[in-house]
Amino acid sequence: MNNLPWQIDKIIEVANCLQATGSTAASTGERIAAAFVLNRMDYLPDMYSDAVEAWDRLDDEWQDYVRLIKRDYRHLIEGQ
């Protein structure tokens, strides 16, 4: 994408996939992060239907990536 850290690229890729198809083969953490970026709790994995539990599943670094994407990179999310 734009020489961003791979984690940010991956979260954006997963978010775009979820937006386009409603599903993804991404890891649990990647999917949780993308769901929060999109503000779509219906995209959380079934085992993490509680938003607080899902947020806590992400470590501090990945929570920061979510915040950064929402603040500075939403333009890279298709349909946003």
N, C-alpha and C. Protein backbone atom coordinates (compact mmCIF):
# COMPACT_ATOMS: atom_id res chain seq x y z
N MET A 1 0.82 -1.19 0.00
CA MET A 1 0.00 0.00 0.00
C MET A 1 0.87 1.25 0.00
N ASN A 2 1.06 1.87 1.14
CA ASN A 2 1.77 3.14 1.22
C ASN A 2 2.98 3.06 2.14
N ASN A 3 3.73 1.97 2.08
CA ASN A 3 4.87 1.78 2.96
C ASN A 3 4.48 1.85 4.43
N LEU A 4 3.30 1.38 4.76
CA LEU A 4 2.84 1.31 6.13
C LEU A 4 3.36 0.02 6.76
N PRO A 5 3.40 -0.05 8.08
CA PRO A 5 3.75 -1.32 8.72
C PRO A 5 2.83 -2.43 8.22
N TRP A 6 3.38 -3.63 8.13
CA TRP A 6 2.61 -4.74 7.57
C TRP A 6 1.31 -4.97 8.34
N GLN A 7 1.32 -4.72 9.64
CA GLN A 7 0.13 -4.95 10.45
C GLN A 7 -1.01 -4.02 10.01
N ILE A 8 -0.69 -2.78 9.73
CA ILE A 8 -1.72 -1.83 9.28
C ILE A 8 -2.22 -2.23 7.90
N ASP A 9 -1.30 -2.59 7.00
CA ASP A 9 -1.71 -3.07 5.67
C ASP A 9 -2.66 -4.26 5.80
N LYS A 10 -2.32 -5.19 6.69
CA LYS A 10 -3.12 -6.40 6.85
C LYS A 10 -4.51 -6.08 7.39
N ILE A 11 -4.58 -5.24 8.41
CA ILE A 11 -5.88 -4.88 8.97
C ILE A 11 -6.75 -4.21 7.91
N ILE A 12 -6.18 -3.32 7.13
CA ILE A 12 -6.92 -2.64 6.07
C ILE A 12 -7.37 -3.65 5.01
N GLU A 13 -6.49 -4.57 4.65
CA GLU A 13 -6.85 -5.61 3.68
C GLU A 13 -8.02 -6.45 4.18
N VAL A 14 -7.97 -6.85 5.44
CA VAL A 14 -9.05 -7.66 6.02
C VAL A 14 -10.34 -6.84 6.09
N ALA A 15 -10.25 -5.58 6.47
CA ALA A 15 -11.44 -4.72 6.52
C ALA A 15 -12.07 -4.61 5.14
N ASN A 16 -11.26 -4.42 4.13
CA ASN A 16 -11.78 -4.32 2.76
C ASN A 16 -12.42 -5.64 2.32
N CYS A 17 -11.82 -6.74 2.69
CA CYS A 17 -12.39 -8.05 2.35
C CYS A 17 -13.74 -8.24 3.05
N LEU A 18 -13.81 -7.89 4.33
CA LEU A 18 -15.07 -8.00 5.06
C LEU A 18 -16.13 -7.10 4.44
N GLN A 19 -15.75 -5.89 4.05
CA GLN A 19 -16.70 -4.97 3.41
C GLN A 19 -17.23 -5.55 2.11
N ALA A 20 -16.34 -6.19 1.35
CA ALA A 20 -16.71 -6.69 0.02
C ALA A 20 -17.49 -8.00 0.07
N THR A 21 -17.09 -8.89 0.98
CA THR A 21 -17.66 -10.24 0.96
C THR A 21 -18.37 -10.66 2.23
N GLY A 22 -18.10 -9.96 3.32
CA GLY A 22 -18.70 -10.34 4.60
C GLY A 22 -17.97 -11.45 5.31
N SER A 23 -16.87 -11.93 4.70
CA SER A 23 -16.10 -13.00 5.34
C SER A 23 -14.63 -12.82 5.01
N THR A 24 -13.81 -13.60 5.72
CA THR A 24 -12.37 -13.55 5.50
C THR A 24 -11.73 -14.79 6.11
N ALA A 25 -10.58 -15.14 5.59
CA ALA A 25 -9.81 -16.26 6.15
C ALA A 25 -8.71 -15.74 7.08
N ALA A 26 -8.80 -14.48 7.47
CA ALA A 26 -7.78 -13.85 8.31
C ALA A 26 -7.76 -14.49 9.70
N SER A 27 -6.69 -14.21 10.41
CA SER A 27 -6.56 -14.71 11.78
C SER A 27 -7.61 -14.04 12.66
N THR A 28 -7.80 -14.60 13.84
CA THR A 28 -8.77 -14.06 14.78
C THR A 28 -8.45 -12.61 15.13
N GLY A 29 -7.20 -12.33 15.47
CA GLY A 29 -6.81 -10.97 15.83
C GLY A 29 -6.98 -9.99 14.68
N GLU A 30 -6.63 -10.41 13.48
CA GLU A 30 -6.79 -9.54 12.31
C GLU A 30 -8.26 -9.22 12.06
N ARG A 31 -9.09 -10.23 12.23
CA ARG A 31 -10.53 -10.02 12.01
C ARG A 31 -11.12 -9.11 13.08
N ILE A 32 -10.71 -9.30 14.34
CA ILE A 32 -11.18 -8.43 15.41
C ILE A 32 -10.77 -6.99 15.14
N ALA A 33 -9.51 -6.79 14.79
CA ALA A 33 -9.02 -5.44 14.51
C ALA A 33 -9.82 -4.80 13.37
N ALA A 34 -10.05 -5.55 12.32
CA ALA A 34 -10.81 -5.03 11.17
C ALA A 34 -12.24 -4.69 11.56
N ALA A 35 -12.85 -5.53 12.38
CA ALA A 35 -14.22 -5.25 12.83
C ALA A 35 -14.29 -3.93 13.59
N PHE A 36 -13.29 -3.67 14.43
CA PHE A 36 -13.27 -2.41 15.16
C PHE A 36 -12.97 -1.23 14.24
N VAL A 37 -12.10 -1.40 13.28
CA VAL A 37 -11.84 -0.34 12.31
C VAL A 37 -13.12 0.03 11.58
N LEU A 38 -13.90 -0.97 11.23
CA LEU A 38 -15.15 -0.75 10.50
C LEU A 38 -16.31 -0.38 11.43
N ASN A 39 -16.10 -0.52 12.74
CA ASN A 39 -17.16 -0.31 13.73
C ASN A 39 -18.34 -1.23 13.44
N ARG A 40 -18.00 -2.48 13.10
CA ARG A 40 -19.01 -3.49 12.77
C ARG A 40 -18.80 -4.70 13.66
N MET A 41 -19.47 -4.72 14.79
CA MET A 41 -19.31 -5.83 15.73
C MET A 41 -19.88 -7.14 15.17
N ASP A 42 -20.73 -7.05 14.16
CA ASP A 42 -21.24 -8.26 13.53
C ASP A 42 -20.14 -9.00 12.76
N TYR A 43 -18.99 -8.35 12.51
CA TYR A 43 -17.87 -9.01 11.85
C TYR A 43 -16.92 -9.69 12.83
N LEU A 44 -17.18 -9.57 14.14
CA LEU A 44 -16.33 -10.26 15.10
C LEU A 44 -16.49 -11.76 14.94
N PRO A 45 -15.41 -12.52 15.19
CA PRO A 45 -15.54 -13.98 15.17
C PRO A 45 -16.59 -14.43 16.18
N ASP A 46 -17.28 -15.51 15.88
CA ASP A 46 -18.37 -16.00 16.75
C ASP A 46 -17.96 -16.16 18.20
N MET A 47 -16.73 -16.59 18.44
CA MET A 47 -16.29 -16.82 19.82
C MET A 47 -16.04 -15.52 20.57
N TYR A 48 -16.09 -14.39 19.88
CA TYR A 48 -15.88 -13.08 20.49
C TYR A 48 -17.06 -12.16 20.21
N SER A 49 -18.24 -12.60 20.56
CA SER A 49 -19.42 -11.78 20.31
C SER A 49 -19.52 -10.61 21.28
N ASP A 50 -18.79 -10.65 22.38
CA ASP A 50 -18.76 -9.54 23.31
C ASP A 50 -17.64 -8.57 22.91
N ALA A 51 -17.99 -7.31 22.68
CA ALA A 51 -17.04 -6.33 22.17
C ALA A 51 -15.87 -6.11 23.13
N VAL A 52 -16.12 -6.08 24.42
CA VAL A 52 -15.04 -5.85 25.39
C VAL A 52 -14.07 -7.02 25.39
N GLU A 53 -14.57 -8.23 25.37
CA GLU A 53 -13.70 -9.40 25.30
C GLU A 53 -12.87 -9.38 24.02
N ALA A 54 -13.51 -9.01 22.93
CA ALA A 54 -12.80 -8.95 21.65
C ALA A 54 -11.70 -7.89 21.70
N TRP A 55 -12.01 -6.71 22.22
CA TRP A 55 -11.02 -5.64 22.32
C TRP A 55 -9.85 -6.09 23.20
N ASP A 56 -10.16 -6.75 24.30
CA ASP A 56 -9.12 -7.24 25.21
C ASP A 56 -8.26 -8.33 24.57
N ARG A 57 -8.79 -9.01 23.58
CA ARG A 57 -8.04 -10.05 22.86
C ARG A 57 -6.86 -9.45 22.09
N LEU A 58 -7.02 -8.19 21.66
CA LEU A 58 -5.94 -7.50 20.96
C LEU A 58 -4.93 -7.00 21.98
N ASP A 59 -3.65 -7.09 21.65
CA ASP A 59 -2.66 -6.52 22.56
C ASP A 59 -2.60 -5.00 22.35
N ASP A 60 -1.84 -4.32 23.19
CA ASP A 60 -1.77 -2.86 23.13
C ASP A 60 -1.34 -2.36 21.76
N GLU A 61 -0.39 -3.05 21.16
CA GLU A 61 0.12 -2.63 19.84
C GLU A 61 -0.99 -2.66 18.79
N TRP A 62 -1.76 -3.75 18.77
CA TRP A 62 -2.82 -3.87 17.77
C TRP A 62 -3.97 -2.92 18.07
N GLN A 63 -4.25 -2.64 19.34
CA GLN A 63 -5.25 -1.63 19.67
C GLN A 63 -4.80 -0.27 19.14
N ASP A 64 -3.51 0.02 19.26
CA ASP A 64 -2.97 1.27 18.72
C ASP A 64 -3.10 1.32 17.20
N TYR A 65 -2.89 0.19 16.52
CA TYR A 65 -3.06 0.15 15.07
C TYR A 65 -4.50 0.48 14.69
N VAL A 66 -5.46 -0.07 15.43
CA VAL A 66 -6.87 0.22 15.16
C VAL A 66 -7.13 1.72 15.29
N ARG A 67 -6.64 2.30 16.36
CA ARG A 67 -6.83 3.74 16.57
C ARG A 67 -6.19 4.55 15.44
N LEU A 68 -4.98 4.17 15.06
CA LEU A 68 -4.26 4.87 14.01
C LEU A 68 -5.00 4.80 12.67
N ILE A 69 -5.48 3.63 12.32
CA ILE A 69 -6.23 3.46 11.07
C ILE A 69 -7.50 4.31 11.10
N LYS A 70 -8.22 4.26 12.20
CA LYS A 70 -9.47 5.03 12.31
C LYS A 70 -9.19 6.53 12.22
N ARG A 71 -8.05 6.96 12.74
CA ARG A 71 -7.72 8.38 12.76
C ARG A 71 -7.12 8.86 11.44
N ASP A 72 -6.21 8.07 10.85
CA ASP A 72 -5.40 8.56 9.74
C ASP A 72 -5.54 7.81 8.41
N TYR A 73 -6.12 6.62 8.42
CA TYR A 73 -6.09 5.81 7.20
C TYR A 73 -7.46 5.30 6.77
N ARG A 74 -8.52 5.89 7.26
CA ARG A 74 -9.86 5.43 6.85
C ARG A 74 -10.08 5.57 5.35
N HIS A 75 -9.37 6.50 4.74
CA HIS A 75 -9.52 6.69 3.29
C HIS A 75 -9.06 5.47 2.50
N LEU A 76 -8.31 4.56 3.14
CA LEU A 76 -7.86 3.34 2.47
C LEU A 76 -8.86 2.21 2.58
N ILE A 77 -9.92 2.44 3.34
CA ILE A 77 -10.98 1.43 3.48
C ILE A 77 -12.02 1.70 2.40
N GLU A 78 -12.26 0.70 1.59
CA GLU A 78 -13.21 0.86 0.48
C GLU A 78 -14.61 1.13 1.03
N GLY A 79 -15.29 2.06 0.42
CA GLY A 79 -16.66 2.37 0.82
C GLY A 79 -16.74 3.29 2.03
N GLN A 80 -15.63 3.83 2.47
CA GLN A 80 -15.64 4.71 3.65
C GLN A 80 -15.56 6.16 3.23
